[in-house]
């Protein structure tokens, strides 16, 4: 959510506190490219992976995330 905010300039979910918390738990991950079309698919996928609800669908550790970010930066 922090990376999403840094790149989009807006939070991934909006509304009152209870609404935002509910969306974080239940809503699908918003595609950052709807707000920032210049963001590449790979970066969008990293954000989506980080924000997955199920632990097994997220990066397994910081090294895996670092590697994915490095790959995008190199391209």
PDB file of N, CA and C in Angstrom:
ATOM      1  N   UNK A   1       0.823  -1.190   0.000  1.00  0.00           N
ATOM      2  CA  UNK A   1       0.000   0.000   0.000  1.00  0.00           C
ATOM      3  C   UNK A   1       0.872   1.260   0.000  1.00  0.00           C
ATOM      4  N   UNK A   2       2.022   1.193   0.659  1.00  0.00           N
ATOM      5  CA  UNK A   2       2.921   2.353   0.694  1.00  0.00           C
ATOM      6  C   UNK A   2       3.502   2.615  -0.697  1.00  0.00           C
ATOM      7  N   UNK A   3       3.960   1.565  -1.374  1.00  0.00           N
ATOM      8  CA  UNK A   3       4.494   1.730  -2.724  1.00  0.00           C
ATOM      9  C   UNK A   3       3.405   2.248  -3.661  1.00  0.00           C
ATOM     10  N   UNK A   4       2.209   1.723  -3.534  1.00  0.00           N
ATOM     11  CA  UNK A   4       1.074   2.200  -4.331  1.00  0.00           C
ATOM     12  C   UNK A   4       0.908   3.701  -4.112  1.00  0.00           C
ATOM     13  N   UNK A   5       0.876   4.125  -2.856  1.00  0.00           N
ATOM     14  CA  UNK A   5       0.685   5.531  -2.519  1.00  0.00           C
ATOM     15  C   UNK A   5       1.823   6.394  -3.075  1.00  0.00           C
ATOM     16  N   UNK A   6       3.054   5.917  -2.929  1.00  0.00           N
ATOM     17  CA  UNK A   6       4.208   6.681  -3.417  1.00  0.00           C
ATOM     18  C   UNK A   6       4.149   6.892  -4.929  1.00  0.00           C
ATOM     19  N   UNK A   7       3.726   5.892  -5.664  1.00  0.00           N
ATOM     20  CA  UNK A   7       3.697   5.986  -7.116  1.00  0.00           C
ATOM     21  C   UNK A   7       2.426   6.640  -7.660  1.00  0.00           C
ATOM     22  N   UNK A   8       1.316   6.441  -6.977  1.00  0.00           N
ATOM     23  CA  UNK A   8       0.034   6.957  -7.473  1.00  0.00           C
ATOM     24  C   UNK A   8      -0.310   8.325  -6.900  1.00  0.00           C
ATOM     25  N   UNK A   9       0.242   8.648  -5.731  1.00  0.00           N
ATOM     26  CA  UNK A   9      -0.124   9.902  -5.082  1.00  0.00           C
ATOM     27  C   UNK A   9      -1.486   9.837  -4.426  1.00  0.00           C
ATOM     28  N   UNK A  10      -2.003   8.630  -4.263  1.00  0.00           N
ATOM     29  CA  UNK A  10      -3.308   8.410  -3.631  1.00  0.00           C
ATOM     30  C   UNK A  10      -3.302   7.021  -3.003  1.00  0.00           C
ATOM     31  N   UNK A  11      -4.096   6.866  -1.974  1.00  0.00           N
ATOM     32  CA  UNK A  11      -4.202   5.564  -1.312  1.00  0.00           C
ATOM     33  C   UNK A  11      -4.947   4.575  -2.216  1.00  0.00           C
ATOM     34  N   UNK A  12      -4.661   3.286  -2.073  1.00  0.00           N
ATOM     35  CA  UNK A  12      -5.346   2.301  -2.911  1.00  0.00           C
ATOM     36  C   UNK A  12      -6.847   2.207  -2.634  1.00  0.00           C
ATOM     37  N   UNK A  13      -7.246   2.507  -1.415  1.00  0.00           N
ATOM     38  CA  UNK A  13      -8.666   2.472  -1.053  1.00  0.00           C
ATOM     39  C   UNK A  13      -9.022   3.789  -0.375  1.00  0.00           C
ATOM     40  N   UNK A  14     -10.253   4.263  -0.605  1.00  0.00           N
ATOM     41  CA  UNK A  14     -10.679   5.499   0.031  1.00  0.00           C
ATOM     42  C   UNK A  14     -11.975   5.282   0.791  1.00  0.00           C
ATOM     43  N   UNK A  15     -12.341   6.269   1.577  1.00  0.00           N
ATOM     44  CA  UNK A  15     -13.559   6.200   2.367  1.00  0.00           C
ATOM     45  C   UNK A  15     -13.269   6.462   3.836  1.00  0.00           C
ATOM     46  N   UNK A  16     -14.257   6.221   4.653  1.00  0.00           N
ATOM     47  CA  UNK A  16     -14.084   6.346   6.098  1.00  0.00           C
ATOM     48  C   UNK A  16     -13.240   5.184   6.595  1.00  0.00           C
ATOM     49  N   UNK A  17     -12.683   5.316   7.775  1.00  0.00           N
ATOM     50  CA  UNK A  17     -11.757   4.325   8.315  1.00  0.00           C
ATOM     51  C   UNK A  17     -12.308   2.907   8.228  1.00  0.00           C
ATOM     52  N   UNK A  18     -13.515   2.689   8.676  1.00  0.00           N
ATOM     53  CA  UNK A  18     -14.112   1.349   8.636  1.00  0.00           C
ATOM     54  C   UNK A  18     -14.237   0.837   7.207  1.00  0.00           C
ATOM     55  N   UNK A  19     -14.579   1.716   6.287  1.00  0.00           N
ATOM     56  CA  UNK A  19     -14.700   1.326   4.876  1.00  0.00           C
ATOM     57  C   UNK A  19     -13.341   0.926   4.299  1.00  0.00           C
ATOM     58  N   UNK A  20     -12.319   1.701   4.614  1.00  0.00           N
ATOM     59  CA  UNK A  20     -10.967   1.406   4.115  1.00  0.00           C
ATOM     60  C   UNK A  20     -10.474   0.081   4.671  1.00  0.00           C
ATOM     61  N   UNK A  21     -10.670  -0.130   5.963  1.00  0.00           N
ATOM     62  CA  UNK A  21     -10.246  -1.390   6.571  1.00  0.00           C
ATOM     63  C   UNK A  21     -10.972  -2.570   5.939  1.00  0.00           C
ATOM     64  N   UNK A  22     -12.254  -2.407   5.703  1.00  0.00           N
ATOM     65  CA  UNK A  22     -13.037  -3.478   5.074  1.00  0.00           C
ATOM     66  C   UNK A  22     -12.530  -3.760   3.658  1.00  0.00           C
ATOM     67  N   UNK A  23     -12.244  -2.705   2.910  1.00  0.00           N
ATOM     68  CA  UNK A  23     -11.742  -2.880   1.544  1.00  0.00           C
ATOM     69  C   UNK A  23     -10.378  -3.572   1.536  1.00  0.00           C
ATOM     70  N   UNK A  24      -9.518  -3.219   2.485  1.00  0.00           N
ATOM     71  CA  UNK A  24      -8.209  -3.879   2.565  1.00  0.00           C
ATOM     72  C   UNK A  24      -8.367  -5.382   2.764  1.00  0.00           C
ATOM     73  N   UNK A  25      -9.411  -5.772   3.466  1.00  0.00           N
ATOM     74  CA  UNK A  25      -9.627  -7.194   3.760  1.00  0.00           C
ATOM     75  C   UNK A  25     -10.414  -7.926   2.672  1.00  0.00           C
ATOM     76  N   UNK A  26     -11.242  -7.217   1.924  1.00  0.00           N
ATOM     77  CA  UNK A  26     -12.159  -7.907   1.022  1.00  0.00           C
ATOM     78  C   UNK A  26     -12.075  -7.507  -0.450  1.00  0.00           C
ATOM     79  N   UNK A  27     -11.725  -6.272  -0.744  1.00  0.00           N
ATOM     80  CA  UNK A  27     -11.747  -5.789  -2.128  1.00  0.00           C
ATOM     81  C   UNK A  27     -10.537  -6.298  -2.906  1.00  0.00           C
ATOM     82  N   UNK A  28     -10.707  -6.432  -4.206  1.00  0.00           N
ATOM     83  CA  UNK A  28      -9.566  -6.825  -5.028  1.00  0.00           C
ATOM     84  C   UNK A  28      -8.553  -5.676  -5.068  1.00  0.00           C
ATOM     85  N   UNK A  29      -7.323  -6.036  -5.351  1.00  0.00           N
ATOM     86  CA  UNK A  29      -6.251  -5.047  -5.394  1.00  0.00           C
ATOM     87  C   UNK A  29      -6.481  -4.125  -6.589  1.00  0.00           C
ATOM     88  N   UNK A  30      -6.556  -2.809  -6.355  1.00  0.00           N
ATOM     89  CA  UNK A  30      -6.786  -1.895  -7.476  1.00  0.00           C
ATOM     90  C   UNK A  30      -5.562  -1.826  -8.393  1.00  0.00           C
ATOM     91  N   UNK A  31      -5.799  -1.687  -9.661  1.00  0.00           N
ATOM     92  CA  UNK A  31      -4.714  -1.577 -10.629  1.00  0.00           C
ATOM     93  C   UNK A  31      -4.211  -0.135 -10.629  1.00  0.00           C
ATOM     94  N   UNK A  32      -2.965   0.040 -10.225  1.00  0.00           N
ATOM     95  CA  UNK A  32      -2.387   1.380 -10.132  1.00  0.00           C
ATOM     96  C   UNK A  32      -2.370   2.090 -11.477  1.00  0.00           C
ATOM     97  N   UNK A  33      -2.359   1.316 -12.562  1.00  0.00           N
ATOM     98  CA  UNK A  33      -2.294   1.918 -13.889  1.00  0.00           C
ATOM     99  C   UNK A  33      -3.573   2.664 -14.264  1.00  0.00           C
ATOM    100  N   UNK A  34      -4.641   2.448 -13.503  1.00  0.00           N
ATOM    101  CA  UNK A  34      -5.853   3.230 -13.757  1.00  0.00           C
ATOM    102  C   UNK A  34      -5.631   4.689 -13.368  1.00  0.00           C
ATOM    103  N   UNK A  35      -4.807   4.926 -12.336  1.00  0.00           N
ATOM    104  CA  UNK A  35      -4.471   6.289 -11.932  1.00  0.00           C
ATOM    105  C   UNK A  35      -3.226   6.803 -12.637  1.00  0.00           C
ATOM    106  N   UNK A  36      -2.272   5.902 -12.855  1.00  0.00           N
ATOM    107  CA  UNK A  36      -0.983   6.260 -13.464  1.00  0.00           C
ATOM    108  C   UNK A  36      -0.672   5.312 -14.617  1.00  0.00           C
ATOM    109  N   UNK A  37      -1.205   5.566 -15.801  1.00  0.00           N
ATOM    110  CA  UNK A  37      -1.004   4.665 -16.942  1.00  0.00           C
ATOM    111  C   UNK A  37       0.457   4.489 -17.351  1.00  0.00           C
ATOM    112  N   UNK A  38       1.333   5.406 -16.950  1.00  0.00           N
ATOM    113  CA  UNK A  38       2.745   5.311 -17.335  1.00  0.00           C
ATOM    114  C   UNK A  38       3.495   4.219 -16.570  1.00  0.00           C
ATOM    115  N   UNK A  39       2.899   3.703 -15.519  1.00  0.00           N
ATOM    116  CA  UNK A  39       3.543   2.650 -14.728  1.00  0.00           C
ATOM    117  C   UNK A  39       3.473   1.344 -15.504  1.00  0.00           C
ATOM    118  N   UNK A  40       4.606   0.666 -15.576  1.00  0.00           N
ATOM    119  CA  UNK A  40       4.676  -0.554 -16.388  1.00  0.00           C
ATOM    120  C   UNK A  40       3.935  -1.724 -15.721  1.00  0.00           C
ATOM    121  N   UNK A  41       3.631  -2.709 -16.533  1.00  0.00           N
ATOM    122  CA  UNK A  41       2.919  -3.904 -16.073  1.00  0.00           C
ATOM    123  C   UNK A  41       3.692  -4.604 -14.958  1.00  0.00           C
ATOM    124  N   UNK A  42       5.014  -4.682 -15.079  1.00  0.00           N
ATOM    125  CA  UNK A  42       5.822  -5.378 -14.076  1.00  0.00           C
ATOM    126  C   UNK A  42       5.732  -4.697 -12.714  1.00  0.00           C
ATOM    127  N   UNK A  43       5.769  -3.386 -12.688  1.00  0.00           N
ATOM    128  CA  UNK A  43       5.642  -2.649 -11.427  1.00  0.00           C
ATOM    129  C   UNK A  43       4.249  -2.835 -10.854  1.00  0.00           C
ATOM    130  N   UNK A  44       3.253  -2.792 -11.704  1.00  0.00           N
ATOM    131  CA  UNK A  44       1.882  -3.025 -11.261  1.00  0.00           C
ATOM    132  C   UNK A  44       1.742  -4.414 -10.639  1.00  0.00           C
ATOM    133  N   UNK A  45       2.389  -5.391 -11.250  1.00  0.00           N
ATOM    134  CA  UNK A  45       2.328  -6.762 -10.739  1.00  0.00           C
ATOM    135  C   UNK A  45       3.019  -6.879  -9.376  1.00  0.00           C
ATOM    136  N   UNK A  46       4.116  -6.169  -9.182  1.00  0.00           N
ATOM    137  CA  UNK A  46       4.804  -6.182  -7.878  1.00  0.00           C
ATOM    138  C   UNK A  46       3.875  -5.639  -6.800  1.00  0.00           C
ATOM    139  N   UNK A  47       3.223  -4.532  -7.097  1.00  0.00           N
ATOM    140  CA  UNK A  47       2.294  -3.939  -6.124  1.00  0.00           C
ATOM    141  C   UNK A  47       1.155  -4.900  -5.837  1.00  0.00           C
ATOM    142  N   UNK A  48       0.608  -5.495  -6.874  1.00  0.00           N
ATOM    143  CA  UNK A  48      -0.480  -6.447  -6.702  1.00  0.00           C
ATOM    144  C   UNK A  48      -0.048  -7.638  -5.844  1.00  0.00           C
ATOM    145  N   UNK A  49       1.144  -8.143  -6.094  1.00  0.00           N
ATOM    146  CA  UNK A  49       1.652  -9.275  -5.311  1.00  0.00           C
ATOM    147  C   UNK A  49       1.828  -8.879  -3.853  1.00  0.00           C
ATOM    148  N   UNK A  50       2.364  -7.706  -3.608  1.00  0.00           N
ATOM    149  CA  UNK A  50       2.560  -7.238  -2.227  1.00  0.00           C
ATOM    150  C   UNK A  50       1.236  -7.094  -1.470  1.00  0.00           C
ATOM    151  N   UNK A  51       0.178  -6.752  -2.193  1.00  0.00           N
ATOM    152  CA  UNK A  51      -1.097  -6.473  -1.545  1.00  0.00           C
ATOM    153  C   UNK A  51      -2.063  -7.653  -1.532  1.00  0.00           C
ATOM    154  N   UNK A  52      -1.611  -8.820  -1.932  1.00  0.00           N
ATOM    155  CA  UNK A  52      -2.483  -9.998  -1.936  1.00  0.00           C
ATOM    156  C   UNK A  52      -2.996 -10.299  -0.526  1.00  0.00           C
ATOM    157  N   UNK A  53      -4.219 -10.746  -0.442  1.00  0.00           N
ATOM    158  CA  UNK A  53      -4.837 -11.056   0.854  1.00  0.00           C
ATOM    159  C   UNK A  53      -4.245 -12.323   1.474  1.00  0.00           C
ATOM    160  N   UNK A  54      -3.976 -13.316   0.644  1.00  0.00           N
ATOM    161  CA  UNK A  54      -3.441 -14.592   1.136  1.00  0.00           C
ATOM    162  C   UNK A  54      -1.918 -14.535   1.201  1.00  0.00           C
ATOM    163  N   UNK A  55      -1.368 -14.901   2.340  1.00  0.00           N
ATOM    164  CA  UNK A  55       0.069 -14.844   2.560  1.00  0.00           C
ATOM    165  C   UNK A  55       0.849 -15.602   1.482  1.00  0.00           C
ATOM    166  N   UNK A  56       0.369 -16.751   1.074  1.00  0.00           N
ATOM    167  CA  UNK A  56       1.060 -17.572   0.094  1.00  0.00           C
ATOM    168  C   UNK A  56       1.156 -16.939  -1.288  1.00  0.00           C
ATOM    169  N   UNK A  57       0.351 -15.935  -1.557  1.00  0.00           N
ATOM    170  CA  UNK A  57       0.377 -15.262  -2.853  1.00  0.00           C
ATOM    171  C   UNK A  57       1.293 -14.035  -2.854  1.00  0.00           C
ATOM    172  N   UNK A  58       1.761 -13.627  -1.666  1.00  0.00           N
ATOM    173  CA  UNK A  58       2.687 -12.497  -1.571  1.00  0.00           C
ATOM    174  C   UNK A  58       4.125 -12.984  -1.721  1.00  0.00           C
ATOM    175  N   UNK A  59       5.066 -12.051  -1.822  1.00  0.00           N
ATOM    176  CA  UNK A  59       6.476 -12.430  -1.873  1.00  0.00           C
ATOM    177  C   UNK A  59       6.820 -13.176  -0.596  1.00  0.00           C
ATOM    178  N   UNK A  60       7.633 -14.227  -0.722  1.00  0.00           N
ATOM    179  CA  UNK A  60       7.916 -15.068   0.442  1.00  0.00           C
ATOM    180  C   UNK A  60       8.833 -14.397   1.456  1.00  0.00           C
ATOM    181  N   UNK A  61       9.689 -13.459   0.976  1.00  0.00           N
ATOM    182  CA  UNK A  61      10.587 -12.761   1.901  1.00  0.00           C
ATOM    183  C   UNK A  61      11.070 -11.465   1.238  1.00  0.00           C
ATOM    184  N   UNK A  62      11.731 -10.598   1.999  1.00  0.00           N
ATOM    185  CA  UNK A  62      12.196  -9.324   1.443  1.00  0.00           C
ATOM    186  C   UNK A  62      13.159  -9.501   0.269  1.00  0.00           C
ATOM    187  N   UNK A  63      13.942 -10.546   0.269  1.00  0.00           N
ATOM    188  CA  UNK A  63      14.883 -10.775  -0.824  1.00  0.00           C
ATOM    189  C   UNK A  63      14.156 -11.012  -2.144  1.00  0.00           C
ATOM    190  N   UNK A  64      13.067 -11.746  -2.089  1.00  0.00           N
ATOM    191  CA  UNK A  64      12.292 -11.994  -3.309  1.00  0.00           C
ATOM    192  C   UNK A  64      11.706 -10.682  -3.841  1.00  0.00           C
ATOM    193  N   UNK A  65      11.212  -9.840  -2.947  1.00  0.00           N
ATOM    194  CA  UNK A  65      10.694  -8.534  -3.346  1.00  0.00           C
ATOM    195  C   UNK A  65      11.828  -7.668  -3.895  1.00  0.00           C
ATOM    196  N   UNK A  66      12.957  -7.638  -3.235  1.00  0.00           N
ATOM    197  CA  UNK A  66      14.099  -6.849  -3.690  1.00  0.00           C
ATOM    198  C   UNK A  66      14.533  -7.274  -5.089  1.00  0.00           C
ATOM    199  N   UNK A  67      14.553  -8.555  -5.324  1.00  0.00           N
ATOM    200  CA  UNK A  67      14.935  -9.087  -6.620  1.00  0.00           C
ATOM    201  C   UNK A  67      13.954  -8.659  -7.706  1.00  0.00           C
ATOM    202  N   UNK A  68      12.666  -8.715  -7.416  1.00  0.00           N
ATOM    203  CA  UNK A  68      11.653  -8.298  -8.378  1.00  0.00           C
ATOM    204  C   UNK A  68      11.772  -6.816  -8.684  1.00  0.00           C
ATOM    205  N   UNK A  69      12.013  -6.013  -7.660  1.00  0.00           N
ATOM    206  CA  UNK A  69      12.182  -4.570  -7.869  1.00  0.00           C
ATOM    207  C   UNK A  69      13.437  -4.282  -8.677  1.00  0.00           C
ATOM    208  N   UNK A  70      14.522  -4.986  -8.378  1.00  0.00           N
ATOM    209  CA  UNK A  70      15.771  -4.785  -9.119  1.00  0.00           C
ATOM    210  C   UNK A  70      15.573  -5.132 -10.588  1.00  0.00           C
ATOM    211  N   UNK A  71      14.858  -6.207 -10.877  1.00  0.00           N
ATOM    212  CA  UNK A  71      14.603  -6.602 -12.273  1.00  0.00           C
ATOM    213  C   UNK A  71      13.853  -5.500 -13.021  1.00  0.00           C
ATOM    214  N   UNK A  72      12.871  -4.901 -12.374  1.00  0.00           N
ATOM    215  CA  UNK A  72      12.102  -3.839 -13.012  1.00  0.00           C
ATOM    216  C   UNK A  72      12.975  -2.597 -13.227  1.00  0.00           C
ATOM    217  N   UNK A  73      13.795  -2.266 -12.246  1.00  0.00           N
ATOM    218  CA  UNK A  73      14.652  -1.086 -12.365  1.00  0.00           C
ATOM    219  C   UNK A  73      15.696  -1.247 -13.470  1.00  0.00           C
ATOM    220  N   UNK A  74      16.191  -2.458 -13.656  1.00  0.00           N
ATOM    221  CA  UNK A  74      17.184  -2.709 -14.691  1.00  0.00           C
ATOM    222  C   UNK A  74      16.568  -2.532 -16.077  1.00  0.00           C
ATOM    223  N   UNK A  75      15.316  -2.926 -16.211  1.00  0.00           N
ATOM    224  CA  UNK A  75      14.626  -2.810 -17.505  1.00  0.00           C
ATOM    225  C   UNK A  75      14.276  -1.370 -17.742  1.00  0.00           C
TER     226      UNK A  75
END
